[in-house]
Amino acid sequence: MDEQSPRKIWENMQDHFAELRALAEIRKHLGIPRDATEREARITIEEWALQHRLVERGDPDYMPLRLLERAKVRGAFSSGGKQQGRDREIEKIKREIREWRAAKLTHREICARLGNRPRPKNAAWAAAESWSAAYRKNRPSVSKWISSVSPPRQPVR
């Protein structure tokens, strides 16, 4: 069995760490939570890459570092900013609302769990001090927004 030279081992490690950093950067850009499974993260990243035509289906060159380089060259990976960070946070909130609605939580319970997290900027109740306060003062509007985010409940048979 051939032993690799220390230099070759070092180069392989650097390539591996570069790939991990690229994967982490892509996950952060897409707002994929750290607790997401590897499979969920890969599916989300692959959908994003296909949408921006960064890869073709079954592309053997689908590696995070190359994907990140292509994304930056093609402009699919912006540098971000305050607005984009807020949008990412709202998308994360929407994902959580979908999970909670699937778990049969009421709108009031969802608002209580959301606490002081950001609210949609274009909503009339965006300036409320918390989700619960917004729900108390603007119940129909908040309920409509939560319902529009989550899939409809299945009728009970």
Protein backbone atom coordinates (compact mmCIF):
# COMPACT_ATOMS: atom_id res chain seq x y z
CA MET A 1 0.00 0.00 0.00
CA ASP A 2 1.34 3.38 -1.02
CA GLU A 3 1.79 5.94 1.71
CA GLN A 4 1.01 9.50 0.82
CA SER A 5 3.56 12.18 1.42
CA PRO A 6 2.83 14.67 4.21
CA ARG A 7 2.53 17.38 1.56
CA LYS A 8 -0.13 15.43 -0.36
CA ILE A 9 -2.06 14.73 2.87
CA TRP A 10 -1.90 18.46 3.70
CA GLU A 11 -3.18 19.43 0.22
CA ASN A 12 -6.07 16.96 0.47
CA MET A 13 -7.01 18.34 3.90
CA GLN A 14 -6.98 21.90 2.54
CA ASP A 15 -9.23 20.87 -0.36
CA HIS A 16 -11.60 19.17 2.07
CA PHE A 17 -11.74 22.23 4.38
CA ALA A 18 -12.31 24.53 1.40
CA GLU A 19 -15.26 22.35 0.34
CA LEU A 20 -16.69 22.44 3.88
CA ARG A 21 -16.32 26.24 4.04
CA ALA A 22 -18.03 26.57 0.65
CA LEU A 23 -20.87 24.30 1.77
CA ALA A 24 -21.29 26.33 4.97
CA GLU A 25 -21.36 29.58 2.98
CA ILE A 26 -24.01 28.22 0.60
CA ARG A 27 -26.12 26.94 3.53
CA LYS A 28 -25.87 30.34 5.23
CA HIS A 29 -26.82 32.17 2.03
CA LEU A 30 -29.87 29.97 1.54
CA GLY A 31 -30.91 30.19 5.19
CA ILE A 32 -30.66 26.46 5.79
CA PRO A 33 -30.71 25.94 9.56
CA ARG A 34 -27.79 24.16 11.19
CA ASP A 35 -30.10 21.47 12.53
CA ALA A 36 -31.30 20.55 9.03
CA THR A 37 -30.31 17.06 8.02
CA GLU A 38 -27.60 16.67 5.41
CA ARG A 39 -30.18 15.26 2.97
CA GLU A 40 -32.51 18.28 3.43
CA ALA A 41 -29.60 20.67 2.95
CA ARG A 42 -28.37 18.91 -0.19
CA ILE A 43 -31.89 18.89 -1.71
CA THR A 44 -32.30 22.63 -1.03
CA ILE A 45 -28.86 23.43 -2.43
CA GLU A 46 -29.46 21.28 -5.51
CA GLU A 47 -32.83 22.95 -6.19
CA TRP A 48 -31.20 26.39 -5.85
CA ALA A 49 -28.31 25.39 -8.14
CA LEU A 50 -30.70 24.02 -10.77
CA GLN A 51 -32.87 27.15 -10.56
CA HIS A 52 -29.88 29.40 -11.21
CA ARG A 53 -28.57 27.05 -13.92
CA LEU A 54 -25.36 26.45 -12.02
CA VAL A 55 -25.54 22.70 -12.62
CA GLU A 56 -27.41 20.27 -14.83
CA ARG A 57 -29.25 17.30 -13.37
CA GLY A 58 -26.78 14.54 -12.58
CA ASP A 59 -23.79 16.86 -13.04
CA PRO A 60 -20.69 14.96 -11.86
CA ASP A 61 -19.01 18.31 -11.18
CA TYR A 62 -21.50 19.08 -8.38
CA MET A 63 -19.10 20.01 -5.59
CA PRO A 64 -19.73 22.86 -3.13
CA LEU A 65 -16.54 24.77 -3.94
CA ARG A 66 -17.13 24.71 -7.70
CA LEU A 67 -20.82 25.46 -7.17
CA LEU A 68 -19.94 28.49 -5.04
CA GLU A 69 -17.47 29.76 -7.65
CA ARG A 70 -20.06 29.39 -10.42
CA ALA A 71 -22.70 31.13 -8.32
CA LYS A 72 -20.47 34.12 -7.67
CA VAL A 73 -19.45 34.38 -11.34
CA ARG A 74 -23.07 34.17 -12.55
CA GLY A 75 -24.42 36.56 -9.93
CA ALA A 76 -26.70 34.03 -8.24
CA PHE A 77 -24.95 34.58 -4.93
CA SER A 78 -25.22 38.17 -3.81
CA SER A 79 -23.11 39.62 -1.06
CA GLY A 80 -26.19 40.06 1.10
CA GLY A 81 -27.11 42.98 3.25
CA LYS A 82 -29.56 44.08 5.87
CA GLN A 83 -32.63 43.56 3.66
CA GLN A 84 -31.52 40.16 2.47
CA GLY A 85 -30.81 39.09 6.04
CA ARG A 86 -34.30 40.16 7.04
CA ASP A 87 -35.82 38.26 4.10
CA ARG A 88 -33.89 35.17 5.13
CA GLU A 89 -35.22 35.53 8.67
CA ILE A 90 -38.80 35.84 7.35
CA GLU A 91 -38.27 32.70 5.22
CA LYS A 92 -37.03 30.88 8.32
CA ILE A 93 -40.13 32.05 10.21
CA LYS A 94 -42.34 30.79 7.36
CA ARG A 95 -40.70 27.35 7.54
CA GLU A 96 -41.30 27.22 11.28
CA ILE A 97 -44.93 28.30 10.84
CA ARG A 98 -45.46 25.48 8.34
CA GLU A 99 -44.05 22.96 10.82
CA TRP A 100 -46.19 24.33 13.66
CA ARG A 101 -49.33 24.36 11.52
CA ALA A 102 -48.62 20.75 10.58
CA ALA A 103 -48.37 20.05 14.33
CA LYS A 104 -51.86 21.59 14.68
CA LEU A 105 -50.88 24.69 16.68
CA THR A 106 -53.35 27.57 16.69
CA HIS A 107 -52.51 31.01 15.35
CA ARG A 108 -52.36 32.36 18.91
CA GLU A 109 -49.87 29.63 19.91
CA ILE A 110 -47.77 30.31 16.83
CA CYS A 111 -47.65 34.04 17.62
CA ALA A 112 -46.67 33.28 21.22
CA ARG A 113 -43.79 31.10 19.99
CA LEU A 114 -42.61 33.74 17.53
CA GLY A 115 -42.31 36.33 20.30
CA ASN A 116 -40.35 39.40 19.18
CA ARG A 117 -38.96 37.98 15.96
CA PRO A 118 -39.22 40.16 12.83
CA ARG A 119 -42.58 40.61 11.16
CA PRO A 120 -43.16 41.11 7.41
CA LYS A 121 -42.13 44.68 6.61
CA ASN A 122 -45.08 45.42 4.31
CA ALA A 123 -47.73 44.32 6.82
CA ALA A 124 -49.80 46.99 8.58
CA TRP A 125 -48.96 45.30 11.89
CA ALA A 126 -45.20 45.12 11.27
CA ALA A 127 -44.53 47.86 13.82
CA ALA A 128 -46.26 45.97 16.64
CA GLU A 129 -44.02 45.21 19.61
CA SER A 130 -44.42 41.42 19.23
CA TRP A 131 -46.28 38.80 17.26
CA SER A 132 -48.71 38.36 20.16
CA ALA A 133 -49.43 42.10 20.25
CA ALA A 134 -49.96 42.11 16.48
CA TYR A 135 -52.33 39.16 16.83
CA ARG A 136 -54.33 40.91 19.59
CA LYS A 137 -54.66 44.17 17.63
CA ASN A 138 -54.92 42.84 14.07
CA ARG A 139 -56.20 39.28 14.45
CA PRO A 140 -57.78 38.89 10.98
CA SER A 141 -54.73 40.24 9.16
CA VAL A 142 -52.18 38.23 11.16
CA SER A 143 -54.30 35.07 10.84
CA LYS A 144 -54.58 35.57 7.09
CA TRP A 145 -50.79 35.99 6.78
CA ILE A 146 -50.11 32.85 8.85
CA SER A 147 -52.69 30.90 6.83
CA SER A 148 -51.22 32.06 3.53
CA VAL A 149 -47.79 30.83 4.62
CA SER A 150 -48.92 27.38 5.66
CA PRO A 151 -50.66 24.76 3.56
CA PRO A 152 -54.38 24.29 4.22
CA ARG A 153 -55.34 21.76 6.84
CA GLN A 154 -56.87 18.54 5.65
CA PRO A 155 -60.57 18.17 6.47
CA VAL A 156 -61.38 15.78 9.31
CA ARG A 157 -63.24 12.69 8.12
